[in-house]
Amino acid sequence: MGGVVDAATGNCRIRAGEAPAGADPDVPTYSAVPIASNFAAFLGVVATVAALVERRRSGRGQHVTVPLFDAMFEVIGDAGAYVSAAGLPPQKPLRGNGSGTYACVDGEYVQFNPIGATRRFVTWFLHAAGHPEWSVDGDDDELEARLAALFATRTAAEWEELGHAAGVPLARVRTSQEWLHTPHAVESGAVVRLDDPALGETLVPGPAVRSGDVGAALPSVPTVGPRRLPDADRDALLAELAAPPPAPDDPPPARTRSLPLDASASWTSPRSSRGRAAGGSSASSARPSPRSTLRSGGSSRTAW
């Protein structure tokens, strides 16, 4: 799904097998997604839980350090394992089941990623597009040629709407400015509007984490105050630092049980699970229930 998300948010990279003529393969590519920082946060959570378990057992504290260099090896994973004499293997193009970037009749593009262990996504899409017979043929080259001609018959927005209705990973390729103003970006709180003291009305990223009382409804669009100018809070901060630390209202509980909740299917790998077990912690994986396919009148419907 990464290619669809990148396309929809203006962060589309050139994929293997799709580089334009004259592109320099040695030029590094940069991602707007803080990949190393995200994986370092995952590792930091596991290390923190292990430190809390050790504190409960022995009373000793620990200093937790997670280098971004180490975190990147979690991202690289098995792709970094190869025979030195053979060199790094070339990246394989993600072109199975017709996956790729396609031009539309209005000159815009869509990113279509029906990647998976089965052909279900491309089957659903072809049924919705009126060509269910194409899903039977397993020839990727022929399917790509047919899809290229098919996508050229409608606008990118029309294909995106059809793809969403069919439940397949398909998105119109947008610029960052276009995505900032989409209803999804605004209603989800990924983008918020504030009155900056120097720049005026500005669109900025919303908070990554929102907290509140258990069971309480959080606002669909979070409230974010404008940034503070340098030294605007200097006096208040110095006064807070000079004040004695407040005493706790209640004593700490005698026992605490830490349970990391893993919301990522990839974070339940044997290597990560072994690390958690070594630290004495337990983990749960929050995964959606399997999708069941209901067939009615020759067409398929999916339900969670």
C-alpha atoms as a PDB file:
ATOM      1  CA  MET A   1       0.000   0.000   0.000  1.00  0.00           C
ATOM      2  CA  GLY A   2       3.013   2.298   0.411  1.00  0.00           C
ATOM      3  CA  GLY A   3       2.987   3.430  -3.204  1.00  0.00           C
ATOM      4  CA  VAL A   4      -0.659   4.468  -2.979  1.00  0.00           C
ATOM      5  CA  VAL A   5      -0.071   6.436   0.220  1.00  0.00           C
ATOM      6  CA  ASP A   6       3.014   8.105  -1.271  1.00  0.00           C
ATOM      7  CA  ALA A   7       1.109   9.036  -4.417  1.00  0.00           C
ATOM      8  CA  ALA A   8      -1.840  10.455  -2.504  1.00  0.00           C
ATOM      9  CA  THR A   9       0.403  12.595  -0.275  1.00  0.00           C
ATOM     10  CA  GLY A  10       2.808  13.992  -2.858  1.00  0.00           C
ATOM     11  CA  ASN A  11       5.700  11.741  -1.809  1.00  0.00           C
ATOM     12  CA  CYS A  12       5.964   9.429  -4.826  1.00  0.00           C
ATOM     13  CA  ARG A  13       9.411   7.937  -5.502  1.00  0.00           C
ATOM     14  CA  ILE A  14      10.683   6.339  -8.686  1.00  0.00           C
ATOM     15  CA  ARG A  15      10.249   2.599  -8.298  1.00  0.00           C
ATOM     16  CA  ALA A  16      12.453  -0.128  -9.727  1.00  0.00           C
ATOM     17  CA  GLY A  17      11.596  -0.790 -13.349  1.00  0.00           C
ATOM     18  CA  GLU A  18       9.747   2.528 -13.783  1.00  0.00           C
ATOM     19  CA  ALA A  19      12.610   5.030 -14.044  1.00  0.00           C
ATOM     20  CA  PRO A  20      12.286   7.431 -17.006  1.00  0.00           C
ATOM     21  CA  ALA A  21      14.864   7.447 -19.788  1.00  0.00           C
ATOM     22  CA  GLY A  22      18.108   9.127 -18.737  1.00  0.00           C
ATOM     23  CA  ALA A  23      17.494   8.789 -14.989  1.00  0.00           C
ATOM     24  CA  ASP A  24      20.683   8.389 -12.935  1.00  0.00           C
ATOM     25  CA  PRO A  25      20.338   5.272 -10.735  1.00  0.00           C
ATOM     26  CA  ASP A  26      23.240   6.402  -8.521  1.00  0.00           C
ATOM     27  CA  VAL A  27      21.499   9.586  -7.376  1.00  0.00           C
ATOM     28  CA  PRO A  28      20.095   8.980  -3.868  1.00  0.00           C
ATOM     29  CA  THR A  29      16.384   9.380  -3.314  1.00  0.00           C
ATOM     30  CA  TYR A  30      14.951  11.034  -0.237  1.00  0.00           C
ATOM     31  CA  SER A  31      11.698  10.273   1.518  1.00  0.00           C
ATOM     32  CA  ALA A  32       9.570  12.848   3.311  1.00  0.00           C
ATOM     33  CA  VAL A  33       8.547  10.093   5.735  1.00  0.00           C
ATOM     34  CA  PRO A  34      10.888   9.940   8.793  1.00  0.00           C
ATOM     35  CA  ILE A  35      11.504   6.213   8.340  1.00  0.00           C
ATOM     36  CA  ALA A  36      14.524   5.911  10.653  1.00  0.00           C
ATOM     37  CA  SER A  37      12.817   7.926  13.395  1.00  0.00           C
ATOM     38  CA  ASN A  38       9.641   5.842  13.164  1.00  0.00           C
ATOM     39  CA  PHE A  39      11.490   2.546  13.541  1.00  0.00           C
ATOM     40  CA  ALA A  40      13.647   4.013  16.308  1.00  0.00           C
ATOM     41  CA  ALA A  41      10.430   4.813  18.169  1.00  0.00           C
ATOM     42  CA  PHE A  42       9.342   1.165  17.861  1.00  0.00           C
ATOM     43  CA  LEU A  43      12.692  -0.031  19.197  1.00  0.00           C
ATOM     44  CA  GLY A  44      12.604   2.599  21.934  1.00  0.00           C
ATOM     45  CA  VAL A  45       9.205   1.396  23.140  1.00  0.00           C
ATOM     46  CA  VAL A  46      10.425  -2.208  23.363  1.00  0.00           C
ATOM     47  CA  ALA A  47      13.592  -1.140  25.196  1.00  0.00           C
ATOM     48  CA  THR A  48      11.597   1.050  27.589  1.00  0.00           C
ATOM     49  CA  VAL A  49       9.225  -1.786  28.447  1.00  0.00           C
ATOM     50  CA  ALA A  50      12.189  -4.086  29.079  1.00  0.00           C
ATOM     51  CA  ALA A  51      13.723  -1.423  31.350  1.00  0.00           C
ATOM     52  CA  LEU A  52      10.460  -1.081  33.292  1.00  0.00           C
ATOM     53  CA  VAL A  53      10.277  -4.849  33.759  1.00  0.00           C
ATOM     54  CA  GLU A  54      13.875  -4.893  35.042  1.00  0.00           C
ATOM     55  CA  ARG A  55      13.149  -2.007  37.409  1.00  0.00           C
ATOM     56  CA  ARG A  56      10.240  -3.937  38.873  1.00  0.00           C
ATOM     57  CA  ARG A  57      12.403  -7.032  39.310  1.00  0.00           C
ATOM     58  CA  SER A  58      15.632  -5.527  40.638  1.00  0.00           C
ATOM     59  CA  GLY A  59      14.891  -1.885  41.402  1.00  0.00           C
ATOM     60  CA  ARG A  60      17.706  -0.772  39.080  1.00  0.00           C
ATOM     61  CA  GLY A  61      17.103   1.848  36.417  1.00  0.00           C
ATOM     62  CA  GLN A  62      18.527   1.829  32.912  1.00  0.00           C
ATOM     63  CA  HIS A  63      19.649   4.320  30.303  1.00  0.00           C
ATOM     64  CA  VAL A  64      17.981   3.560  26.959  1.00  0.00           C
ATOM     65  CA  THR A  65      19.698   4.610  23.730  1.00  0.00           C
ATOM     66  CA  VAL A  66      18.385   3.831  20.231  1.00  0.00           C
ATOM     67  CA  PRO A  67      20.726   4.991  17.434  1.00  0.00           C
ATOM     68  CA  LEU A  68      18.992   5.807  14.159  1.00  0.00           C
ATOM     69  CA  PHE A  69      21.769   3.856  12.442  1.00  0.00           C
ATOM     70  CA  ASP A  70      20.619   0.686  14.206  1.00  0.00           C
ATOM     71  CA  ALA A  71      16.962   1.443  13.522  1.00  0.00           C
ATOM     72  CA  MET A  72      17.579   1.551   9.771  1.00  0.00           C
ATOM     73  CA  PHE A  73      18.685  -2.082   9.823  1.00  0.00           C
ATOM     74  CA  GLU A  74      15.167  -3.001  10.953  1.00  0.00           C
ATOM     75  CA  VAL A  75      13.894  -1.193   7.851  1.00  0.00           C
ATOM     76  CA  ILE A  76      16.392  -2.890   5.545  1.00  0.00           C
ATOM     77  CA  GLY A  77      15.599  -6.316   6.993  1.00  0.00           C
ATOM     78  CA  ASP A  78      16.342  -9.311   4.797  1.00  0.00           C
ATOM     79  CA  ALA A  79      17.107  -7.057   1.822  1.00  0.00           C
ATOM     80  CA  GLY A  80      20.486  -6.322   3.426  1.00  0.00           C
ATOM     81  CA  ALA A  81      21.522  -9.981   3.572  1.00  0.00           C
ATOM     82  CA  TYR A  82      23.462 -11.078   0.493  1.00  0.00           C
ATOM     83  CA  VAL A  83      26.675 -12.851  -0.512  1.00  0.00           C
ATOM     84  CA  SER A  84      29.503 -10.303  -0.547  1.00  0.00           C
ATOM     85  CA  ALA A  85      31.114 -11.809  -3.644  1.00  0.00           C
ATOM     86  CA  ALA A  86      27.866 -11.452  -5.593  1.00  0.00           C
ATOM     87  CA  GLY A  87      27.197  -7.889  -4.461  1.00  0.00           C
ATOM     88  CA  LEU A  88      23.905  -6.236  -3.599  1.00  0.00           C
ATOM     89  CA  PRO A  89      21.103  -7.765  -5.689  1.00  0.00           C
ATOM     90  CA  PRO A  90      19.103  -5.333  -7.839  1.00  0.00           C
ATOM     91  CA  GLN A  91      15.721  -4.274  -6.539  1.00  0.00           C
ATOM     92  CA  LYS A  92      12.933  -6.214  -8.174  1.00  0.00           C
ATOM     93  CA  PRO A  93      10.165  -4.128  -9.747  1.00  0.00           C
ATOM     94  CA  LEU A  94       6.793  -4.286  -8.024  1.00  0.00           C
ATOM     95  CA  ARG A  95       4.806  -5.056 -11.128  1.00  0.00           C
ATOM     96  CA  GLY A  96       2.782  -8.102 -10.182  1.00  0.00           C
ATOM     97  CA  ASN A  97      -0.947  -8.160 -10.951  1.00  0.00           C
ATOM     98  CA  GLY A  98      -0.701  -5.001 -13.041  1.00  0.00           C
ATOM     99  CA  SER A  99       0.798  -2.806 -10.328  1.00  0.00           C
ATOM    100  CA  GLY A 100       2.163   0.492 -11.592  1.00  0.00           C
ATOM    101  CA  THR A 101       1.595   4.148 -12.465  1.00  0.00           C
ATOM    102  CA  TYR A 102      -0.865   4.832 -15.286  1.00  0.00           C
ATOM    103  CA  ALA A 103      -1.693   7.944 -17.330  1.00  0.00           C
ATOM    104  CA  CYS A 104      -5.345   8.991 -17.520  1.00  0.00           C
ATOM    105  CA  VAL A 105      -7.367  10.842 -20.140  1.00  0.00           C
ATOM    106  CA  ASP A 106      -6.955  14.203 -18.358  1.00  0.00           C
ATOM    107  CA  GLY A 107      -3.140  14.016 -18.330  1.00  0.00           C
ATOM    108  CA  GLU A 108      -2.971  13.102 -14.635  1.00  0.00           C
ATOM    109  CA  TYR A 109      -1.807   9.790 -13.205  1.00  0.00           C
ATOM    110  CA  VAL A 110      -3.021   7.118 -10.811  1.00  0.00           C
ATOM    111  CA  GLN A 111      -1.008   4.699  -8.710  1.00  0.00           C
ATOM    112  CA  PHE A 112      -2.465   1.191  -8.754  1.00  0.00           C
ATOM    113  CA  ASN A 113      -0.967  -1.342  -6.317  1.00  0.00           C
ATOM    114  CA  PRO A 114      -2.906  -4.627  -6.316  1.00  0.00           C
ATOM    115  CA  ILE A 115       0.037  -6.371  -4.630  1.00  0.00           C
ATOM    116  CA  GLY A 116      -0.634  -9.412  -2.480  1.00  0.00           C
ATOM    117  CA  ALA A 117      -0.497 -13.167  -2.198  1.00  0.00           C
ATOM    118  CA  THR A 118      -3.620 -13.483  -4.365  1.00  0.00           C
ATOM    119  CA  ARG A 119      -5.162 -11.654  -7.330  1.00  0.00           C
ATOM    120  CA  ARG A 120      -8.146 -10.480  -5.308  1.00  0.00           C
ATOM    121  CA  PHE A 121      -7.470  -6.726  -5.644  1.00  0.00           C
ATOM    122  CA  VAL A 122      -7.036  -6.780  -9.412  1.00  0.00           C
ATOM    123  CA  THR A 123     -10.067  -9.099  -9.687  1.00  0.00           C
ATOM    124  CA  TRP A 124     -12.254  -6.679  -7.712  1.00  0.00           C
ATOM    125  CA  PHE A 125     -11.011  -3.744  -9.789  1.00  0.00           C
ATOM    126  CA  LEU A 126     -11.603  -5.457 -13.135  1.00  0.00           C
ATOM    127  CA  HIS A 127     -15.122  -6.454 -12.083  1.00  0.00           C
ATOM    128  CA  ALA A 128     -15.856  -2.816 -11.165  1.00  0.00           C
ATOM    129  CA  ALA A 129     -14.291  -1.578 -14.428  1.00  0.00           C
ATOM    130  CA  GLY A 130     -16.420  -3.926 -16.535  1.00  0.00           C
ATOM    131  CA  HIS A 131     -13.709  -6.377 -17.615  1.00  0.00           C
ATOM    132  CA  PRO A 132     -13.907  -9.379 -15.265  1.00  0.00           C
ATOM    133  CA  GLU A 133     -12.564 -11.676 -17.997  1.00  0.00           C
ATOM    134  CA  TRP A 134      -9.113 -10.043 -17.790  1.00  0.00           C
ATOM    135  CA  SER A 135      -8.551 -11.352 -14.264  1.00  0.00           C
ATOM    136  CA  VAL A 136      -8.348 -14.946 -15.532  1.00  0.00           C
ATOM    137  CA  ASP A 137      -5.222 -14.372 -17.619  1.00  0.00           C
ATOM    138  CA  GLY A 138      -2.010 -14.548 -15.564  1.00  0.00           C
ATOM    139  CA  ASP A 139       0.214 -12.781 -18.136  1.00  0.00           C
ATOM    140  CA  ASP A 140       1.457  -9.587 -16.406  1.00  0.00           C
ATOM    141  CA  ASP A 141       2.763  -8.004 -19.631  1.00  0.00           C
ATOM    142  CA  GLU A 142      -0.595  -8.397 -21.360  1.00  0.00           C
ATOM    143  CA  LEU A 143      -2.459  -7.164 -18.276  1.00  0.00           C
ATOM    144  CA  GLU A 144      -0.279  -4.038 -18.060  1.00  0.00           C
ATOM    145  CA  ALA A 145      -0.955  -3.207 -21.712  1.00  0.00           C
ATOM    146  CA  ARG A 146      -4.693  -3.643 -21.211  1.00  0.00           C
ATOM    147  CA  LEU A 147      -4.683  -1.547 -18.041  1.00  0.00           C
ATOM    148  CA  ALA A 148      -2.688   1.232 -19.736  1.00  0.00           C
ATOM    149  CA  ALA A 149      -5.351   1.469 -22.449  1.00  0.00           C
ATOM    150  CA  LEU A 150      -8.161   1.190 -19.904  1.00  0.00           C
ATOM    151  CA  PHE A 151      -6.893   3.940 -17.581  1.00  0.00           C
ATOM    152  CA  ALA A 152      -6.555   6.275 -20.581  1.00  0.00           C
ATOM    153  CA  THR A 153     -10.352   6.262 -21.008  1.00  0.00           C
ATOM    154  CA  ARG A 154     -11.287   8.152 -17.807  1.00  0.00           C
ATOM    155  CA  THR A 155      -9.971  10.917 -15.583  1.00  0.00           C
ATOM    156  CA  ALA A 156      -7.734  10.181 -12.595  1.00  0.00           C
ATOM    157  CA  ALA A 157     -10.450  11.376 -10.197  1.00  0.00           C
ATOM    158  CA  GLU A 158     -12.991   8.999 -11.762  1.00  0.00           C
ATOM    159  CA  TRP A 159     -10.614   6.051 -11.421  1.00  0.00           C
ATOM    160  CA  GLU A 160      -9.865   6.946  -7.818  1.00  0.00           C
ATOM    161  CA  GLU A 161     -13.574   6.995  -6.997  1.00  0.00           C
ATOM    162  CA  LEU A 162     -14.106   3.645  -8.720  1.00  0.00           C
ATOM    163  CA  GLY A 163     -11.129   2.132  -6.905  1.00  0.00           C
ATOM    164  CA  HIS A 164     -12.352   3.291  -3.511  1.00  0.00           C
ATOM    165  CA  ALA A 165     -15.810   1.871  -4.178  1.00  0.00           C
ATOM    166  CA  ALA A 166     -14.264  -1.460  -5.202  1.00  0.00           C
ATOM    167  CA  GLY A 167     -12.027  -1.566  -2.120  1.00  0.00           C
ATOM    168  CA  VAL A 168      -8.721  -1.686  -3.997  1.00  0.00           C
ATOM    169  CA  PRO A 169      -5.453   0.238  -3.390  1.00  0.00           C
ATOM    170  CA  LEU A 170      -5.673   2.971  -6.026  1.00  0.00           C
ATOM    171  CA  ALA A 171      -5.081   6.719  -5.701  1.00  0.00           C
ATOM    172  CA  ARG A 172      -4.673   9.737  -7.915  1.00  0.00           C
ATOM    173  CA  VAL A 173      -1.114  11.058  -7.879  1.00  0.00           C
ATOM    174  CA  ARG A 174      -1.273  14.419  -6.106  1.00  0.00           C
ATOM    175  CA  THR A 175       1.147  17.193  -5.316  1.00  0.00           C
ATOM    176  CA  SER A 176       1.693  18.089  -1.669  1.00  0.00           C
ATOM    177  CA  GLN A 177      -0.372  21.256  -2.115  1.00  0.00           C
ATOM    178  CA  GLU A 178      -3.294  19.281  -3.528  1.00  0.00           C
ATOM    179  CA  TRP A 179      -3.233  16.766  -0.682  1.00  0.00           C
ATOM    180  CA  LEU A 180      -3.136  19.489   1.999  1.00  0.00           C
ATOM    181  CA  HIS A 181      -6.636  20.583   0.974  1.00  0.00           C
ATOM    182  CA  THR A 182      -8.283  17.162   0.639  1.00  0.00           C
ATOM    183  CA  PRO A 183     -11.168  16.375   3.031  1.00  0.00           C
ATOM    184  CA  HIS A 184      -9.292  13.317   4.329  1.00  0.00           C
ATOM    185  CA  ALA A 185      -6.248  15.360   5.351  1.00  0.00           C
ATOM    186  CA  VAL A 186      -8.346  17.996   7.124  1.00  0.00           C
ATOM    187  CA  GLU A 187     -11.011  15.801   8.743  1.00  0.00           C
ATOM    188  CA  SER A 188      -8.463  13.295  10.067  1.00  0.00           C
ATOM    189  CA  GLY A 189      -6.452  16.065  11.706  1.00  0.00           C
ATOM    190  CA  ALA A 190      -3.343  15.231   9.658  1.00  0.00           C
ATOM    191  CA  VAL A 191      -3.374  18.889   8.571  1.00  0.00           C
ATOM    192  CA  VAL A 192      -4.549  21.792  10.717  1.00  0.00           C
ATOM    193  CA  ARG A 193      -4.890  25.497  10.049  1.00  0.00           C
ATOM    194  CA  LEU A 194      -3.548  28.036  12.519  1.00  0.00           C
ATOM    195  CA  ASP A 195      -2.784  31.740  12.711  1.00  0.00           C
ATOM    196  CA  ASP A 196       1.015  31.936  12.844  1.00  0.00           C
ATOM    197  CA  PRO A 197       2.405  35.053  14.581  1.00  0.00           C
ATOM    198  CA  ALA A 198       4.808  35.681  11.697  1.00  0.00           C
ATOM    199  CA  LEU A 199       3.313  33.919   8.657  1.00  0.00           C
ATOM    200  CA  GLY A 200      -0.388  34.478   9.248  1.00  0.00           C
ATOM    201  CA  GLU A 201      -2.881  31.734   8.363  1.00  0.00           C
ATOM    202  CA  THR A 202      -0.839  28.593   7.737  1.00  0.00           C
ATOM    203  CA  LEU A 203      -1.462  24.894   7.136  1.00  0.00           C
ATOM    204  CA  VAL A 204       0.738  22.710   9.340  1.00  0.00           C
ATOM    205  CA  PRO A 205       0.863  19.000  10.277  1.00  0.00           C
ATOM    206  CA  GLY A 206      -1.522  18.075  13.074  1.00  0.00           C
ATOM    207  CA  PRO A 207      -0.452  16.271  16.253  1.00  0.00           C
ATOM    208  CA  ALA A 208       0.626  12.683  15.658  1.00  0.00           C
ATOM    209  CA  VAL A 209      -0.919  11.496  18.934  1.00  0.00           C
ATOM    210  CA  ARG A 210      -4.091  12.656  20.643  1.00  0.00           C
ATOM    211  CA  SER A 211      -5.004  11.587  24.151  1.00  0.00           C
ATOM    212  CA  GLY A 212      -8.065  11.845  26.338  1.00  0.00           C
ATOM    213  CA  ASP A 213     -10.246  10.019  28.821  1.00  0.00           C
ATOM    214  CA  VAL A 214     -10.957   6.400  28.000  1.00  0.00           C
ATOM    215  CA  GLY A 215     -14.239   6.257  26.120  1.00  0.00           C
ATOM    216  CA  ALA A 216     -14.394  10.020  25.586  1.00  0.00           C
ATOM    217  CA  ALA A 217     -14.929  11.165  22.019  1.00  0.00           C
ATOM    218  CA  LEU A 218     -11.960  13.063  20.618  1.00  0.00           C
ATOM    219  CA  PRO A 219     -12.611  15.970  18.247  1.00  0.00           C
ATOM    220  CA  SER A 220     -12.298  15.001  14.599  1.00  0.00           C
ATOM    221  CA  VAL A 221     -10.120  18.055  13.992  1.00  0.00           C
ATOM    222  CA  PRO A 222      -7.722  18.755  16.890  1.00  0.00           C
ATOM    223  CA  THR A 223      -7.248  22.255  18.222  1.00  0.00           C
ATOM    224  CA  VAL A 224      -3.676  23.458  17.744  1.00  0.00           C
ATOM    225  CA  GLY A 225      -2.476  26.810  18.985  1.00  0.00           C
ATOM    226  CA  PRO A 226      -0.070  28.993  17.008  1.00  0.00           C
ATOM    227  CA  ARG A 227       3.629  28.574  17.624  1.00  0.00           C
ATOM    228  CA  ARG A 228       5.270  30.783  20.191  1.00  0.00           C
ATOM    229  CA  LEU A 229       7.970  33.225  19.156  1.00  0.00           C
ATOM    230  CA  PRO A 230      11.464  32.812  20.662  1.00  0.00           C
ATOM    231  CA  ASP A 231      11.630  33.947  24.321  1.00  0.00           C
ATOM    232  CA  ALA A 232       7.852  34.466  24.484  1.00  0.00           C
ATOM    233  CA  ASP A 233       7.637  32.107  27.474  1.00  0.00           C
ATOM    234  CA  ARG A 234      11.052  32.812  28.998  1.00  0.00           C
ATOM    235  CA  ASP A 235       9.834  34.284  32.293  1.00  0.00           C
ATOM    236  CA  ALA A 236       7.243  31.548  32.858  1.00  0.00           C
ATOM    237  CA  LEU A 237       9.761  28.780  32.153  1.00  0.00           C
ATOM    238  CA  LEU A 238      12.399  30.243  34.466  1.00  0.00           C
ATOM    239  CA  ALA A 239       9.822  30.599  37.230  1.00  0.00           C
ATOM    240  CA  GLU A 240       8.753  26.978  36.769  1.00  0.00           C
ATOM    241  CA  LEU A 241      12.360  25.768  36.946  1.00  0.00           C
ATOM    242  CA  ALA A 242      12.982  27.726  40.141  1.00  0.00           C
ATOM    243  CA  ALA A 243       9.899  26.327  41.898  1.00  0.00           C
ATOM    244  CA  PRO A 244      10.255  23.181  44.071  1.00  0.00           C
ATOM    245  CA  PRO A 245       8.920  19.987  42.483  1.00  0.00           C
ATOM    246  CA  PRO A 246       5.325  19.270  43.497  1.00  0.00           C
ATOM    247  CA  ALA A 247       4.681  16.298  45.748  1.00  0.00           C
ATOM    248  CA  PRO A 248       2.698  13.424  44.203  1.00  0.00           C
ATOM    249  CA  ASP A 249      -0.980  13.314  45.104  1.00  0.00           C
ATOM    250  CA  ASP A 250      -0.948   9.538  45.564  1.00  0.00           C
ATOM    251  CA  PRO A 251       1.862   7.054  46.217  1.00  0.00           C
ATOM    252  CA  PRO A 252       2.906   4.938  43.245  1.00  0.00           C
ATOM    253  CA  PRO A 253       1.136   1.578  42.948  1.00  0.00           C
ATOM    254  CA  ALA A 254       2.875  -1.414  44.443  1.00  0.00           C
ATOM    255  CA  ARG A 255       2.962  -3.269  41.143  1.00  0.00           C
ATOM    256  CA  THR A 256       2.732  -2.156  37.568  1.00  0.00           C
ATOM    257  CA  ARG A 257       2.233  -4.362  34.572  1.00  0.00           C
ATOM    258  CA  SER A 258       3.463  -3.087  31.225  1.00  0.00           C
ATOM    259  CA  LEU A 259       1.891  -4.486  28.090  1.00  0.00           C
ATOM    260  CA  PRO A 260       3.001  -3.114  24.711  1.00  0.00           C
ATOM    261  CA  LEU A 261       0.158  -3.212  22.222  1.00  0.00           C
ATOM    262  CA  ASP A 262       1.503  -3.932  18.772  1.00  0.00           C
ATOM    263  CA  ALA A 263      -0.676  -2.479  16.014  1.00  0.00           C
ATOM    264  CA  SER A 264       1.659  -3.519  13.221  1.00  0.00           C
ATOM    265  CA  ALA A 265       1.600  -6.910  11.559  1.00  0.00           C
ATOM    266  CA  SER A 266       5.288  -6.559  10.665  1.00  0.00           C
ATOM    267  CA  TRP A 267       6.301  -5.884  14.281  1.00  0.00           C
ATOM    268  CA  THR A 268       5.402  -9.412  15.370  1.00  0.00           C
ATOM    269  CA  SER A 269       8.376 -10.954  13.601  1.00  0.00           C
ATOM    270  CA  PRO A 270      10.277 -13.752  15.377  1.00  0.00           C
ATOM    271  CA  ARG A 271      13.277 -11.467  15.874  1.00  0.00           C
ATOM    272  CA  SER A 272      11.256  -8.732  17.569  1.00  0.00           C
ATOM    273  CA  SER A 273       9.203 -11.203  19.600  1.00  0.00           C
ATOM    274  CA  ARG A 274      12.381 -12.847  20.852  1.00  0.00           C
ATOM    275  CA  GLY A 275      13.697  -9.467  21.988  1.00  0.00           C
ATOM    276  CA  ARG A 276      10.513  -8.733  23.902  1.00  0.00           C
ATOM    277  CA  ALA A 277      10.566 -12.145  25.545  1.00  0.00           C
ATOM    278  CA  ALA A 278      14.184 -11.635  26.616  1.00  0.00           C
ATOM    279  CA  GLY A 279      13.128  -8.431  28.328  1.00  0.00           C
ATOM    280  CA  GLY A 280      10.400 -10.258  30.226  1.00  0.00           C
ATOM    281  CA  SER A 281       7.511  -8.477  28.525  1.00  0.00           C
ATOM    282  CA  SER A 282       4.495  -9.789  26.699  1.00  0.00           C
ATOM    283  CA  ALA A 283       2.902  -8.419  23.565  1.00  0.00           C
ATOM    284  CA  SER A 284      -0.395  -8.402  21.744  1.00  0.00           C
ATOM    285  CA  SER A 285      -0.944  -7.905  18.046  1.00  0.00           C
ATOM    286  CA  ALA A 286      -3.943  -5.810  17.013  1.00  0.00           C
ATOM    287  CA  ARG A 287      -4.917  -7.081  13.603  1.00  0.00           C
ATOM    288  CA  PRO A 288      -8.178  -6.752  11.708  1.00  0.00           C
ATOM    289  CA  SER A 289     -10.291  -9.840  11.602  1.00  0.00           C
ATOM    290  CA  PRO A 290      -9.978 -11.816   8.357  1.00  0.00           C
ATOM    291  CA  ARG A 291     -12.082 -10.530   5.520  1.00  0.00           C
ATOM    292  CA  SER A 292     -14.856 -12.801   4.354  1.00  0.00           C
ATOM    293  CA  THR A 293     -16.044 -12.733   0.780  1.00  0.00           C
ATOM    294  CA  LEU A 294     -19.771 -12.937   0.184  1.00  0.00           C
ATOM    295  CA  ARG A 295     -20.874 -13.815  -3.315  1.00  0.00           C
ATOM    296  CA  SER A 296     -24.251 -12.756  -4.641  1.00  0.00           C
ATOM    297  CA  GLY A 297     -25.508 -12.845  -8.198  1.00  0.00           C
ATOM    298  CA  GLY A 298     -22.085 -13.535  -9.692  1.00  0.00           C
ATOM    299  CA  SER A 299     -20.416 -10.521  -8.048  1.00  0.00           C
ATOM    300  CA  SER A 300     -18.323 -10.473  -4.908  1.00  0.00           C
ATOM    301  CA  ARG A 301     -18.790  -8.351  -1.809  1.00  0.00           C
ATOM    302  CA  THR A 302     -16.369  -8.110   1.063  1.00  0.00           C
ATOM    303  CA  ALA A 303     -17.057  -7.655   4.745  1.00  0.00           C
ATOM    304  CA  TRP A 304     -14.883  -7.364   7.828  1.00  0.00           C
END
